[in-house]
Amino acid sequence: MSVTARLRAALVLGWLTTLPHRLNRRIRIQPGLLGNGRLRIRGPGRVMIEKDVNAWSHAEANRLVTTTSEAVIQIGPQARLNGCTLIAAERIEVGAGCVLGSCEVRDDDAYPARLSQGPAGPRPVILEENVWVGGQVFIAPGVRVGRNSVVGMHAAVFEDVPPDVIVAGNPARIVRRFEAGPDSASAKRG
């Protein structure tokens, strides 16, 4: 099967497997969604998936869960979801071009003993453009991850991450900074 035929099949599968979600007024899915039936959307809030999102997941399903009617999950254009769990009581934003592995992102504390810093209750989580999040990562309520940053596997992120850095560990700490300038995104690949 050619690459073009496989892409066409993934687009059709992405459309067909999300048909029940497309009929729901609180869910907006823009054209170009690639999928394989492993996208689960639940809850009373709103979910917005922008153009050309790739939600093709191999092992774990992608789960987008809203826990209140005011909650919003927004997935930016050309984002890649591969087994992530996003649970929003208020707001979670995933920027354009982000890549999310099998991570868990919450905007509200899920446990009686609070894991994160700051005030109680939901606090929005923002992943700016071109953020890469590895597998088995936890991102706590109120965290903003700056554009072009990478969160390494198994990291636990409790504080904001500046742009153009790699963070790793539990709690996550900066382990490398990318060079500033127009080529900073290419520094990740090199």
C-alpha atoms as a PDB file:
ATOM      1  CA  MET A   1       0.000   0.000   0.000  1.00  0.00           C
ATOM      2  CA  SER A   2       1.414   3.385  -0.983  1.00  0.00           C
ATOM      3  CA  VAL A   3       1.987   6.221   1.466  1.00  0.00           C
ATOM      4  CA  THR A   4      -0.820   8.218  -0.140  1.00  0.00           C
ATOM      5  CA  ALA A   5      -3.243   5.306   0.194  1.00  0.00           C
ATOM      6  CA  ARG A   6      -2.289   4.783   3.854  1.00  0.00           C
ATOM      7  CA  LEU A   7      -2.755   8.493   4.598  1.00  0.00           C
ATOM      8  CA  ARG A   8      -6.143   8.467   2.890  1.00  0.00           C
ATOM      9  CA  ALA A   9      -7.152   5.370   4.898  1.00  0.00           C
ATOM     10  CA  ALA A  10      -6.047   7.018   8.175  1.00  0.00           C
ATOM     11  CA  LEU A  11      -8.085  10.137   7.344  1.00  0.00           C
ATOM     12  CA  VAL A  12     -11.186   8.060   6.600  1.00  0.00           C
ATOM     13  CA  LEU A  13     -10.669   5.977   9.740  1.00  0.00           C
ATOM     14  CA  GLY A  14     -10.172   9.151  11.789  1.00  0.00           C
ATOM     15  CA  TRP A  15     -13.434  10.546  10.467  1.00  0.00           C
ATOM     16  CA  LEU A  16     -15.456   7.342  10.856  1.00  0.00           C
ATOM     17  CA  THR A  17     -14.255   6.462  14.347  1.00  0.00           C
ATOM     18  CA  THR A  18     -15.034   9.962  15.620  1.00  0.00           C
ATOM     19  CA  LEU A  19     -18.495  10.182  14.034  1.00  0.00           C
ATOM     20  CA  PRO A  20     -20.309   9.885  17.395  1.00  0.00           C
ATOM     21  CA  HIS A  21     -18.177  12.759  18.739  1.00  0.00           C
ATOM     22  CA  ARG A  22     -18.815  14.866  15.638  1.00  0.00           C
ATOM     23  CA  LEU A  23     -22.565  14.661  16.302  1.00  0.00           C
ATOM     24  CA  ASN A  24     -22.090  16.100  19.798  1.00  0.00           C
ATOM     25  CA  ARG A  25     -22.547  19.911  19.957  1.00  0.00           C
ATOM     26  CA  ARG A  26     -19.891  20.349  22.671  1.00  0.00           C
ATOM     27  CA  ILE A  27     -17.179  18.671  20.566  1.00  0.00           C
ATOM     28  CA  ARG A  28     -15.628  20.398  17.535  1.00  0.00           C
ATOM     29  CA  ILE A  29     -13.293  18.412  15.304  1.00  0.00           C
ATOM     30  CA  GLN A  30     -11.702  20.265  12.394  1.00  0.00           C
ATOM     31  CA  PRO A  31     -10.754  18.555   9.095  1.00  0.00           C
ATOM     32  CA  GLY A  32      -7.671  16.376   8.724  1.00  0.00           C
ATOM     33  CA  LEU A  33      -7.867  14.270  11.898  1.00  0.00           C
ATOM     34  CA  LEU A  34      -5.790  11.102  11.559  1.00  0.00           C
ATOM     35  CA  GLY A  35      -6.947   8.318  13.835  1.00  0.00           C
ATOM     36  CA  ASN A  36      -7.350   4.625  14.420  1.00  0.00           C
ATOM     37  CA  GLY A  37     -10.303   4.493  16.793  1.00  0.00           C
ATOM     38  CA  ARG A  38      -8.306   5.066  19.990  1.00  0.00           C
ATOM     39  CA  LEU A  39      -9.618   8.541  20.749  1.00  0.00           C
ATOM     40  CA  ARG A  40     -11.955   8.662  23.765  1.00  0.00           C
ATOM     41  CA  ILE A  41     -13.782  11.896  24.578  1.00  0.00           C
ATOM     42  CA  ARG A  42     -15.943  12.030  27.717  1.00  0.00           C
ATOM     43  CA  GLY A  43     -17.511  14.496  30.092  1.00  0.00           C
ATOM     44  CA  PRO A  44     -19.862  17.474  30.086  1.00  0.00           C
ATOM     45  CA  GLY A  45     -17.348  20.147  28.958  1.00  0.00           C
ATOM     46  CA  ARG A  46     -16.154  21.289  25.518  1.00  0.00           C
ATOM     47  CA  VAL A  47     -13.419  19.693  23.423  1.00  0.00           C
ATOM     48  CA  MET A  48     -11.946  21.483  20.394  1.00  0.00           C
ATOM     49  CA  ILE A  49      -9.594  19.644  18.054  1.00  0.00           C
ATOM     50  CA  GLU A  50      -8.051  21.900  15.414  1.00  0.00           C
ATOM     51  CA  LYS A  51      -6.971  21.030  11.853  1.00  0.00           C
ATOM     52  CA  ASP A  52      -4.621  18.179  10.952  1.00  0.00           C
ATOM     53  CA  VAL A  53      -4.304  16.599  14.407  1.00  0.00           C
ATOM     54  CA  ASN A  54      -2.758  13.121  14.450  1.00  0.00           C
ATOM     55  CA  ALA A  55      -4.441  10.980  17.137  1.00  0.00           C
ATOM     56  CA  TRP A  56      -3.102   7.653  15.885  1.00  0.00           C
ATOM     57  CA  SER A  57      -2.212   5.785  19.053  1.00  0.00           C
ATOM     58  CA  HIS A  58      -0.446   2.431  19.142  1.00  0.00           C
ATOM     59  CA  ALA A  59      -0.743   1.046  22.677  1.00  0.00           C
ATOM     60  CA  GLU A  60      -2.848   3.318  24.872  1.00  0.00           C
ATOM     61  CA  ALA A  61      -5.978   5.212  23.907  1.00  0.00           C
ATOM     62  CA  ASN A  62      -5.959   9.006  23.862  1.00  0.00           C
ATOM     63  CA  ARG A  63      -8.384  10.152  26.565  1.00  0.00           C
ATOM     64  CA  LEU A  64      -9.787  13.691  26.628  1.00  0.00           C
ATOM     65  CA  VAL A  65     -11.957  14.021  29.741  1.00  0.00           C
ATOM     66  CA  THR A  66     -13.819  17.065  31.009  1.00  0.00           C
ATOM     67  CA  THR A  67     -15.141  16.893  34.574  1.00  0.00           C
ATOM     68  CA  THR A  68     -17.321  20.041  34.617  1.00  0.00           C
ATOM     69  CA  SER A  69     -19.623  21.684  32.084  1.00  0.00           C
ATOM     70  CA  GLU A  70     -17.327  24.764  32.081  1.00  0.00           C
ATOM     71  CA  ALA A  71     -14.202  22.748  31.239  1.00  0.00           C
ATOM     72  CA  VAL A  72     -12.433  23.180  27.892  1.00  0.00           C
ATOM     73  CA  ILE A  73      -9.775  21.034  26.227  1.00  0.00           C
ATOM     74  CA  GLN A  74      -8.246  22.602  23.135  1.00  0.00           C
ATOM     75  CA  ILE A  75      -5.840  20.714  20.866  1.00  0.00           C
ATOM     76  CA  GLY A  76      -3.941  22.969  18.456  1.00  0.00           C
ATOM     77  CA  PRO A  77      -3.362  22.337  14.759  1.00  0.00           C
ATOM     78  CA  GLN A  78      -0.898  19.632  13.738  1.00  0.00           C
ATOM     79  CA  ALA A  79      -0.573  18.291  17.284  1.00  0.00           C
ATOM     80  CA  ARG A  80       0.313  14.609  17.740  1.00  0.00           C
ATOM     81  CA  LEU A  81      -1.414  12.575  20.466  1.00  0.00           C
ATOM     82  CA  ASN A  82      -0.012   9.131  21.238  1.00  0.00           C
ATOM     83  CA  GLY A  83      -1.757   7.643  24.265  1.00  0.00           C
ATOM     84  CA  CYS A  84      -2.135  10.825  26.340  1.00  0.00           C
ATOM     85  CA  THR A  85      -4.701  11.476  29.067  1.00  0.00           C
ATOM     86  CA  LEU A  86      -5.951  15.042  29.489  1.00  0.00           C
ATOM     87  CA  ILE A  87      -8.365  15.669  32.380  1.00  0.00           C
ATOM     88  CA  ALA A  88      -9.813  19.185  32.660  1.00  0.00           C
ATOM     89  CA  ALA A  89     -12.059  20.788  35.244  1.00  0.00           C
ATOM     90  CA  GLU A  90     -11.311  24.270  33.848  1.00  0.00           C
ATOM     91  CA  ARG A  91      -8.925  24.433  30.842  1.00  0.00           C
ATOM     92  CA  ILE A  92      -6.120  22.532  29.126  1.00  0.00           C
ATOM     93  CA  GLU A  93      -4.557  23.981  25.972  1.00  0.00           C
ATOM     94  CA  VAL A  94      -2.194  22.035  23.727  1.00  0.00           C
ATOM     95  CA  GLY A  95      -0.457  24.331  21.245  1.00  0.00           C
ATOM     96  CA  ALA A  96       0.180  23.882  17.546  1.00  0.00           C
ATOM     97  CA  GLY A  97       2.703  21.205  16.634  1.00  0.00           C
ATOM     98  CA  CYS A  98       2.902  19.639  20.107  1.00  0.00           C
ATOM     99  CA  VAL A  99       3.748  15.947  20.483  1.00  0.00           C
ATOM    100  CA  LEU A 100       2.316  14.152  23.529  1.00  0.00           C
ATOM    101  CA  GLY A 101       3.366  10.640  24.486  1.00  0.00           C
ATOM    102  CA  SER A 102       1.525   8.518  27.032  1.00  0.00           C
ATOM    103  CA  CYS A 103       1.426  11.317  29.587  1.00  0.00           C
ATOM    104  CA  GLU A 104      -1.151  12.548  32.089  1.00  0.00           C
ATOM    105  CA  VAL A 105      -2.064  16.233  32.187  1.00  0.00           C
ATOM    106  CA  ARG A 106      -4.516  17.507  34.826  1.00  0.00           C
ATOM    107  CA  ASP A 107      -5.725  20.988  35.660  1.00  0.00           C
ATOM    108  CA  ASP A 108      -7.152  19.922  39.037  1.00  0.00           C
ATOM    109  CA  ASP A 109      -5.654  17.937  41.903  1.00  0.00           C
ATOM    110  CA  ALA A 110      -6.852  14.354  41.771  1.00  0.00           C
ATOM    111  CA  TYR A 111      -5.667  13.227  45.161  1.00  0.00           C
ATOM    112  CA  PRO A 112      -6.545  14.228  48.743  1.00  0.00           C
ATOM    113  CA  ALA A 113      -2.878  14.894  49.505  1.00  0.00           C
ATOM    114  CA  ARG A 114      -2.052  17.713  47.078  1.00  0.00           C
ATOM    115  CA  LEU A 115       0.875  17.086  44.767  1.00  0.00           C
ATOM    116  CA  SER A 116       1.232  20.540  43.287  1.00  0.00           C
ATOM    117  CA  GLN A 117       2.086  23.976  44.632  1.00  0.00           C
ATOM    118  CA  GLY A 118      -0.261  26.933  44.677  1.00  0.00           C
ATOM    119  CA  PRO A 119      -3.917  27.456  45.477  1.00  0.00           C
ATOM    120  CA  ALA A 120      -6.415  24.602  45.610  1.00  0.00           C
ATOM    121  CA  GLY A 121      -8.932  24.076  42.824  1.00  0.00           C
ATOM    122  CA  PRO A 122      -8.520  23.884  39.075  1.00  0.00           C
ATOM    123  CA  ARG A 123      -5.759  25.902  37.435  1.00  0.00           C
ATOM    124  CA  PRO A 124      -5.322  25.926  33.651  1.00  0.00           C
ATOM    125  CA  VAL A 125      -2.492  23.965  32.033  1.00  0.00           C
ATOM    126  CA  ILE A 126      -0.952  25.474  28.894  1.00  0.00           C
ATOM    127  CA  LEU A 127       1.443  23.693  26.533  1.00  0.00           C
ATOM    128  CA  GLU A 128       2.709  26.342  24.134  1.00  0.00           C
ATOM    129  CA  GLU A 129       3.641  25.650  20.480  1.00  0.00           C
ATOM    130  CA  ASN A 130       5.975  22.798  19.552  1.00  0.00           C
ATOM    131  CA  VAL A 131       6.230  21.223  23.014  1.00  0.00           C
ATOM    132  CA  TRP A 132       7.299  17.583  23.133  1.00  0.00           C
ATOM    133  CA  VAL A 133       6.132  15.488  26.101  1.00  0.00           C
ATOM    134  CA  GLY A 134       7.561  12.011  26.639  1.00  0.00           C
ATOM    135  CA  GLY A 135       5.864   8.911  27.978  1.00  0.00           C
ATOM    136  CA  GLN A 136       4.832   8.368  31.578  1.00  0.00           C
ATOM    137  CA  VAL A 137       5.029  12.108  32.261  1.00  0.00           C
ATOM    138  CA  PHE A 138       2.784  13.885  34.781  1.00  0.00           C
ATOM    139  CA  ILE A 139       2.013  17.598  34.342  1.00  0.00           C
ATOM    140  CA  ALA A 140       0.366  19.183  37.389  1.00  0.00           C
ATOM    141  CA  PRO A 141      -2.351  21.860  37.586  1.00  0.00           C
ATOM    142  CA  GLY A 142      -1.333  25.438  36.814  1.00  0.00           C
ATOM    143  CA  VAL A 143       1.762  24.554  34.783  1.00  0.00           C
ATOM    144  CA  ARG A 144       2.753  26.382  31.601  1.00  0.00           C
ATOM    145  CA  VAL A 145       5.317  24.675  29.366  1.00  0.00           C
ATOM    146  CA  GLY A 146       7.087  27.181  27.113  1.00  0.00           C
ATOM    147  CA  ARG A 147       7.315  26.816  23.364  1.00  0.00           C
ATOM    148  CA  ASN A 148       9.939  24.521  21.841  1.00  0.00           C
ATOM    149  CA  SER A 149      10.550  22.735  25.147  1.00  0.00           C
ATOM    150  CA  VAL A 150      10.904  18.996  25.753  1.00  0.00           C
ATOM    151  CA  VAL A 151       9.674  17.117  28.831  1.00  0.00           C
ATOM    152  CA  GLY A 152      11.691  13.895  29.201  1.00  0.00           C
ATOM    153  CA  MET A 153      10.199  10.485  29.923  1.00  0.00           C
ATOM    154  CA  HIS A 154       8.985   9.790  33.473  1.00  0.00           C
ATOM    155  CA  ALA A 155       9.217  13.463  34.457  1.00  0.00           C
ATOM    156  CA  ALA A 156       6.837  15.026  36.979  1.00  0.00           C
ATOM    157  CA  VAL A 157       6.285  18.711  36.196  1.00  0.00           C
ATOM    158  CA  PHE A 158       5.033  20.828  39.102  1.00  0.00           C
ATOM    159  CA  GLU A 159       6.356  24.268  38.052  1.00  0.00           C
ATOM    160  CA  ASP A 160       6.361  26.314  34.845  1.00  0.00           C
ATOM    161  CA  VAL A 161       8.889  25.319  32.194  1.00  0.00           C
ATOM    162  CA  PRO A 162      10.546  28.160  30.252  1.00  0.00           C
ATOM    163  CA  PRO A 163      10.781  28.114  26.453  1.00  0.00           C
ATOM    164  CA  ASP A 164      13.586  26.297  24.617  1.00  0.00           C
ATOM    165  CA  VAL A 165      14.685  23.857  27.332  1.00  0.00           C
ATOM    166  CA  ILE A 166      14.723  20.149  28.115  1.00  0.00           C
ATOM    167  CA  VAL A 167      13.417  19.168  31.546  1.00  0.00           C
ATOM    168  CA  ALA A 168      13.650  15.759  33.201  1.00  0.00           C
ATOM    169  CA  GLY A 169      13.285  14.113  36.593  1.00  0.00           C
ATOM    170  CA  ASN A 170      10.872  14.086  39.497  1.00  0.00           C
ATOM    171  CA  PRO A 171      10.447  16.938  40.167  1.00  0.00           C
ATOM    172  CA  ALA A 172      11.378  18.102  36.677  1.00  0.00           C
ATOM    173  CA  ARG A 173      14.454  20.313  36.371  1.00  0.00           C
ATOM    174  CA  ILE A 174      16.168  21.945  33.416  1.00  0.00           C
ATOM    175  CA  VAL A 175      18.881  19.652  32.050  1.00  0.00           C
ATOM    176  CA  ARG A 176      19.663  21.569  28.842  1.00  0.00           C
ATOM    177  CA  ARG A 177      18.918  24.869  27.141  1.00  0.00           C
ATOM    178  CA  PHE A 178      18.567  25.224  23.384  1.00  0.00           C
ATOM    179  CA  GLU A 179      20.426  27.929  21.543  1.00  0.00           C
ATOM    180  CA  ALA A 180      18.342  31.039  20.961  1.00  0.00           C
ATOM    181  CA  GLY A 181      17.535  32.101  17.446  1.00  0.00           C
ATOM    182  CA  PRO A 182      15.766  30.783  14.357  1.00  0.00           C
ATOM    183  CA  ASP A 183      17.593  27.435  14.476  1.00  0.00           C
ATOM    184  CA  SER A 184      16.636  26.620  18.076  1.00  0.00           C
ATOM    185  CA  ALA A 185      14.012  24.060  17.015  1.00  0.00           C
ATOM    186  CA  SER A 186      16.614  22.213  14.930  1.00  0.00           C
ATOM    187  CA  ALA A 187      18.841  21.918  18.018  1.00  0.00           C
ATOM    188  CA  LYS A 188      16.365  19.357  19.410  1.00  0.00           C
ATOM    189  CA  ARG A 189      16.919  17.059  16.495  1.00  0.00           C
ATOM    190  CA  GLY A 190      20.680  17.352  16.510  1.00  0.00           C
END
